[in-house]
Protein backbone atom coordinates (compact mmCIF):
# COMPACT_ATOMS: atom_id res chain seq x y z
CA MET A 1 107.08 124.24 48.83
CA ARG A 2 104.47 121.55 47.33
CA VAL A 3 103.85 118.14 48.68
CA TYR A 4 102.44 115.12 46.87
CA VAL A 5 101.34 112.07 48.32
CA PHE A 6 100.73 108.81 46.45
CA ASP A 7 99.30 105.47 47.93
CA GLU A 8 98.72 102.67 45.57
CA GLU A 9 98.27 98.93 45.69
CA ASN A 10 100.57 98.10 42.78
CA GLU A 11 104.22 99.51 42.56
CA LEU A 12 103.89 100.01 38.78
CA ASP A 13 100.69 102.40 39.33
CA LEU A 14 102.92 104.16 41.78
CA GLU A 15 105.81 104.57 39.42
CA MET A 16 103.46 105.79 36.73
CA LYS A 17 101.95 108.48 39.02
CA VAL A 18 105.30 109.67 40.53
CA ASN A 19 107.04 109.89 36.93
CA GLU A 20 104.04 111.72 35.84
CA VAL A 21 104.43 114.37 38.34
CA LEU A 22 108.13 114.52 38.18
CA SER A 23 108.05 115.20 34.61
CA ASP A 24 106.76 118.51 35.30
CA TYR A 25 109.87 119.70 37.36
CA ASP A 26 113.49 120.09 37.02
CA SER A 27 115.73 118.07 39.27
CA ASP A 28 116.58 121.24 41.13
CA ASP A 29 113.12 121.76 42.12
CA ILE A 30 112.99 118.43 43.97
CA PHE A 31 113.76 118.65 47.49
CA ASP A 32 113.17 115.18 48.81
CA ILE A 33 111.55 111.90 47.87
CA LYS A 34 110.16 109.40 50.62
CA TYR A 35 109.10 105.63 49.65
CA SER A 36 107.66 103.17 51.64
CA VAL A 37 106.02 99.45 51.40
CA ALA A 38 103.68 98.06 53.77
CA VAL A 39 102.20 94.63 53.83
CA THR A 40 99.36 92.97 55.85
CA TYR A 41 97.53 89.74 55.65
CA ASP A 42 93.55 89.43 55.92
CA GLU A 43 93.04 85.81 56.19
CA ARG A 44 92.78 85.36 52.30
CA GLU A 45 95.33 87.27 50.84
CA GLN A 46 98.39 89.41 51.21
CA ILE A 47 97.63 93.42 50.93
CA TYR A 48 100.36 95.64 49.93
CA CYS A 49 100.55 99.40 50.05
CA PHE A 50 103.15 101.35 47.96
CA SER A 51 103.34 104.83 49.08
CA CYS A 52 105.63 107.84 48.07
CA MET A 53 105.96 111.37 49.25
CA ILE A 54 107.57 113.98 46.90
CA ILE A 55 108.61 117.42 48.16
CA ILE A 56 109.12 119.97 45.66
CA LYS A 57 110.93 123.39 46.50
């Protein structure tokens, strides 16, 4: 098995990286994909964290 973990501040950057990895594998090779969004506020702005874990057989 192989695991890829991505963490980006922008959902479009995350999408680009995930699609880049997935293009190297057939759908039968993909075991699972987990997606998460977290947000915090630091008194000036909201900070987003978009993350994804891909598990490949």
